[in-house]
Amino acid sequence: MPAATTPALPSLTWKKAPQGDPADPADWRTAAACADLPHHSVFTKNPAKAEAVLRACNQCPIRRECEAVVDPAHTWFDGVSGGRLWRNGKVVSTG
Protein backbone atom coordinates (compact mmCIF):
# COMPACT_ATOMS: atom_id res chain seq x y z
CA MET A 1 0.00 0.00 0.00
CA PRO A 2 1.51 3.40 -0.99
CA ALA A 3 2.27 5.90 1.74
CA ALA A 4 -0.27 8.68 2.18
CA THR A 5 0.92 12.08 1.12
CA THR A 6 0.07 15.35 2.78
CA PRO A 7 -0.55 18.33 0.51
CA ALA A 8 1.98 21.10 0.90
CA LEU A 9 0.82 24.16 2.80
CA PRO A 10 1.26 27.57 1.17
CA SER A 11 4.42 29.32 2.28
CA LEU A 12 4.59 32.86 3.62
CA THR A 13 8.31 33.10 2.98
CA TRP A 14 9.55 36.12 1.10
CA LYS A 15 10.36 35.16 -2.46
CA LYS A 16 11.70 37.84 -4.71
CA ALA A 17 10.51 37.18 -8.24
CA PRO A 18 12.52 38.04 -11.33
CA GLN A 19 11.91 41.59 -12.54
CA GLY A 20 9.21 41.91 -15.16
CA ASP A 21 7.67 38.44 -14.92
CA PRO A 22 3.91 39.18 -14.80
CA ALA A 23 3.08 35.48 -14.97
CA ASP A 24 4.68 34.95 -11.55
CA PRO A 25 2.16 35.60 -8.74
CA ALA A 26 5.02 36.80 -6.52
CA ASP A 27 5.97 39.50 -9.07
CA TRP A 28 4.06 42.25 -7.25
CA ARG A 29 6.59 41.98 -4.42
CA THR A 30 9.42 43.23 -6.63
CA ALA A 31 7.78 46.67 -6.46
CA ALA A 32 7.71 46.60 -2.65
CA ALA A 33 9.82 49.23 -0.91
CA CYS A 34 11.09 46.51 1.45
CA ALA A 35 12.09 44.04 -1.28
CA ASP A 36 15.81 44.54 -0.69
CA LEU A 37 15.65 44.82 3.10
CA PRO A 38 16.77 41.85 5.24
CA HIS A 39 14.08 39.21 5.81
CA HIS A 40 14.70 39.28 9.55
CA SER A 41 13.62 42.94 9.54
CA VAL A 42 10.45 42.28 7.54
CA PHE A 43 9.42 39.32 9.70
CA THR A 44 10.43 40.71 13.09
CA LYS A 45 8.20 40.94 16.14
CA ASN A 46 10.37 43.68 17.63
CA PRO A 47 9.24 47.30 16.99
CA ALA A 48 12.81 48.65 17.10
CA LYS A 49 13.97 46.14 14.48
CA ALA A 50 10.96 46.96 12.28
CA GLU A 51 11.66 50.71 12.06
CA ALA A 52 13.52 50.60 8.72
CA VAL A 53 10.78 48.49 7.14
CA LEU A 54 8.03 50.72 8.49
CA ARG A 55 9.82 53.78 7.05
CA ALA A 56 10.00 52.01 3.69
CA CYS A 57 6.27 51.27 3.90
CA ASN A 58 5.53 54.99 4.08
CA GLN A 59 6.79 55.30 0.48
CA CYS A 60 5.65 51.92 -0.81
CA PRO A 61 3.49 51.83 -3.97
CA ILE A 62 1.92 48.47 -3.07
CA ARG A 63 1.16 48.97 0.61
CA ARG A 64 -2.54 48.07 0.27
CA GLU A 65 -1.85 45.05 -1.93
CA CYS A 66 0.70 43.81 0.60
CA GLU A 67 -1.79 43.81 3.46
CA ALA A 68 -4.55 42.33 1.29
CA VAL A 69 -2.37 39.42 0.14
CA VAL A 70 -0.72 38.72 3.50
CA ASP A 71 -4.06 39.11 5.31
CA PRO A 72 -2.29 39.42 8.68
CA ALA A 73 -5.40 39.41 10.87
CA HIS A 74 -6.56 36.06 9.49
CA THR A 75 -3.16 34.35 9.13
CA TRP A 76 -1.78 35.29 12.56
CA PHE A 77 1.09 36.94 10.73
CA ASP A 78 4.22 38.15 12.54
CA GLY A 79 6.10 40.97 10.86
CA VAL A 80 5.53 44.11 8.82
CA SER A 81 2.72 44.27 6.28
CA GLY A 82 0.82 47.21 4.87
CA GLY A 83 2.77 49.74 6.91
CA ARG A 84 2.04 48.19 10.29
CA LEU A 85 3.81 45.74 12.57
CA TRP A 86 1.79 42.62 13.33
CA ARG A 87 2.19 39.97 16.02
CA ASN A 88 -0.13 36.96 15.99
CA GLY A 89 -2.41 38.83 13.57
CA LYS A 90 -2.82 41.90 15.78
CA VAL A 91 -1.34 45.35 15.19
CA VAL A 92 1.54 46.20 17.52
CA SER A 93 1.91 49.77 18.74
CA THR A 94 5.23 51.16 17.53
CA GLY A 95 5.16 54.65 18.90
C-alpha atoms as a PDB file:
ATOM      1  CA  MET A   1       0.000   0.000   0.000  1.00  0.00           C
ATOM      2  CA  PRO A   2       1.509   3.396  -0.989  1.00  0.00           C
ATOM      3  CA  ALA A   3       2.266   5.902   1.740  1.00  0.00           C
ATOM      4  CA  ALA A   4      -0.272   8.675   2.184  1.00  0.00           C
ATOM      5  CA  THR A   5       0.920  12.082   1.117  1.00  0.00           C
ATOM      6  CA  THR A   6       0.071  15.346   2.780  1.00  0.00           C
ATOM      7  CA  PRO A   7      -0.549  18.325   0.511  1.00  0.00           C
ATOM      8  CA  ALA A   8       1.985  21.102   0.899  1.00  0.00           C
ATOM      9  CA  LEU A   9       0.822  24.159   2.800  1.00  0.00           C
ATOM     10  CA  PRO A  10       1.256  27.569   1.169  1.00  0.00           C
ATOM     11  CA  SER A  11       4.415  29.320   2.276  1.00  0.00           C
ATOM     12  CA  LEU A  12       4.588  32.859   3.617  1.00  0.00           C
ATOM     13  CA  THR A  13       8.305  33.104   2.979  1.00  0.00           C
ATOM     14  CA  TRP A  14       9.553  36.121   1.104  1.00  0.00           C
ATOM     15  CA  LYS A  15      10.364  35.156  -2.459  1.00  0.00           C
ATOM     16  CA  LYS A  16      11.701  37.843  -4.714  1.00  0.00           C
ATOM     17  CA  ALA A  17      10.508  37.180  -8.238  1.00  0.00           C
ATOM     18  CA  PRO A  18      12.523  38.042 -11.332  1.00  0.00           C
ATOM     19  CA  GLN A  19      11.907  41.595 -12.537  1.00  0.00           C
ATOM     20  CA  GLY A  20       9.207  41.912 -15.157  1.00  0.00           C
ATOM     21  CA  ASP A  21       7.666  38.436 -14.922  1.00  0.00           C
ATOM     22  CA  PRO A  22       3.913  39.181 -14.799  1.00  0.00           C
ATOM     23  CA  ALA A  23       3.076  35.476 -14.974  1.00  0.00           C
ATOM     24  CA  ASP A  24       4.677  34.953 -11.554  1.00  0.00           C
ATOM     25  CA  PRO A  25       2.156  35.603  -8.737  1.00  0.00           C
ATOM     26  CA  ALA A  26       5.017  36.803  -6.523  1.00  0.00           C
ATOM     27  CA  ASP A  27       5.974  39.499  -9.070  1.00  0.00           C
ATOM     28  CA  TRP A  28       4.058  42.253  -7.250  1.00  0.00           C
ATOM     29  CA  ARG A  29       6.590  41.979  -4.420  1.00  0.00           C
ATOM     30  CA  THR A  30       9.419  43.235  -6.629  1.00  0.00           C
ATOM     31  CA  ALA A  31       7.778  46.674  -6.456  1.00  0.00           C
ATOM     32  CA  ALA A  32       7.706  46.596  -2.646  1.00  0.00           C
ATOM     33  CA  ALA A  33       9.815  49.229  -0.914  1.00  0.00           C
ATOM     34  CA  CYS A  34      11.088  46.514   1.445  1.00  0.00           C
ATOM     35  CA  ALA A  35      12.089  44.036  -1.285  1.00  0.00           C
ATOM     36  CA  ASP A  36      15.809  44.543  -0.691  1.00  0.00           C
ATOM     37  CA  LEU A  37      15.648  44.816   3.101  1.00  0.00           C
ATOM     38  CA  PRO A  38      16.768  41.849   5.237  1.00  0.00           C
ATOM     39  CA  HIS A  39      14.080  39.212   5.809  1.00  0.00           C
ATOM     40  CA  HIS A  40      14.701  39.277   9.552  1.00  0.00           C
ATOM     41  CA  SER A  41      13.624  42.939   9.543  1.00  0.00           C
ATOM     42  CA  VAL A  42      10.449  42.279   7.544  1.00  0.00           C
ATOM     43  CA  PHE A  43       9.422  39.317   9.695  1.00  0.00           C
ATOM     44  CA  THR A  44      10.434  40.706  13.094  1.00  0.00           C
ATOM     45  CA  LYS A  45       8.198  40.940  16.143  1.00  0.00           C
ATOM     46  CA  ASN A  46      10.370  43.685  17.626  1.00  0.00           C
ATOM     47  CA  PRO A  47       9.242  47.301  16.993  1.00  0.00           C
ATOM     48  CA  ALA A  48      12.809  48.650  17.102  1.00  0.00           C
ATOM     49  CA  LYS A  49      13.973  46.141  14.481  1.00  0.00           C
ATOM     50  CA  ALA A  50      10.956  46.958  12.279  1.00  0.00           C
ATOM     51  CA  GLU A  51      11.665  50.707  12.063  1.00  0.00           C
ATOM     52  CA  ALA A  52      13.518  50.604   8.721  1.00  0.00           C
ATOM     53  CA  VAL A  53      10.785  48.489   7.137  1.00  0.00           C
ATOM     54  CA  LEU A  54       8.031  50.719   8.490  1.00  0.00           C
ATOM     55  CA  ARG A  55       9.824  53.777   7.049  1.00  0.00           C
ATOM     56  CA  ALA A  56       9.999  52.007   3.692  1.00  0.00           C
ATOM     57  CA  CYS A  57       6.267  51.266   3.905  1.00  0.00           C
ATOM     58  CA  ASN A  58       5.528  54.994   4.076  1.00  0.00           C
ATOM     59  CA  GLN A  59       6.787  55.299   0.483  1.00  0.00           C
ATOM     60  CA  CYS A  60       5.652  51.918  -0.812  1.00  0.00           C
ATOM     61  CA  PRO A  61       3.492  51.835  -3.972  1.00  0.00           C
ATOM     62  CA  ILE A  62       1.916  48.474  -3.070  1.00  0.00           C
ATOM     63  CA  ARG A  63       1.157  48.972   0.614  1.00  0.00           C
ATOM     64  CA  ARG A  64      -2.539  48.075   0.275  1.00  0.00           C
ATOM     65  CA  GLU A  65      -1.853  45.051  -1.926  1.00  0.00           C
ATOM     66  CA  CYS A  66       0.695  43.806   0.601  1.00  0.00           C
ATOM     67  CA  GLU A  67      -1.793  43.814   3.457  1.00  0.00           C
ATOM     68  CA  ALA A  68      -4.547  42.331   1.285  1.00  0.00           C
ATOM     69  CA  VAL A  69      -2.373  39.417   0.143  1.00  0.00           C
ATOM     70  CA  VAL A  70      -0.716  38.723   3.497  1.00  0.00           C
ATOM     71  CA  ASP A  71      -4.062  39.112   5.308  1.00  0.00           C
ATOM     72  CA  PRO A  72      -2.294  39.419   8.682  1.00  0.00           C
ATOM     73  CA  ALA A  73      -5.399  39.410  10.873  1.00  0.00           C
ATOM     74  CA  HIS A  74      -6.556  36.060   9.492  1.00  0.00           C
ATOM     75  CA  THR A  75      -3.162  34.347   9.134  1.00  0.00           C
ATOM     76  CA  TRP A  76      -1.780  35.292  12.563  1.00  0.00           C
ATOM     77  CA  PHE A  77       1.094  36.940  10.728  1.00  0.00           C
ATOM     78  CA  ASP A  78       4.221  38.146  12.545  1.00  0.00           C
ATOM     79  CA  GLY A  79       6.101  40.973  10.855  1.00  0.00           C
ATOM     80  CA  VAL A  80       5.526  44.112   8.819  1.00  0.00           C
ATOM     81  CA  SER A  81       2.721  44.266   6.282  1.00  0.00           C
ATOM     82  CA  GLY A  82       0.821  47.206   4.872  1.00  0.00           C
ATOM     83  CA  GLY A  83       2.766  49.741   6.914  1.00  0.00           C
ATOM     84  CA  ARG A  84       2.043  48.187  10.289  1.00  0.00           C
ATOM     85  CA  LEU A  85       3.809  45.738  12.574  1.00  0.00           C
ATOM     86  CA  TRP A  86       1.792  42.618  13.332  1.00  0.00           C
ATOM     87  CA  ARG A  87       2.188  39.972  16.021  1.00  0.00           C
ATOM     88  CA  ASN A  88      -0.130  36.964  15.986  1.00  0.00           C
ATOM     89  CA  GLY A  89      -2.408  38.826  13.570  1.00  0.00           C
ATOM     90  CA  LYS A  90      -2.819  41.899  15.780  1.00  0.00           C
ATOM     91  CA  VAL A  91      -1.343  45.352  15.191  1.00  0.00           C
ATOM     92  CA  VAL A  92       1.544  46.200  17.522  1.00  0.00           C
ATOM     93  CA  SER A  93       1.907  49.775  18.742  1.00  0.00           C
ATOM     94  CA  THR A  94       5.233  51.160  17.528  1.00  0.00           C
ATOM     95  CA  GLY A  95       5.160  54.651  18.902  1.00  0.00           C
END
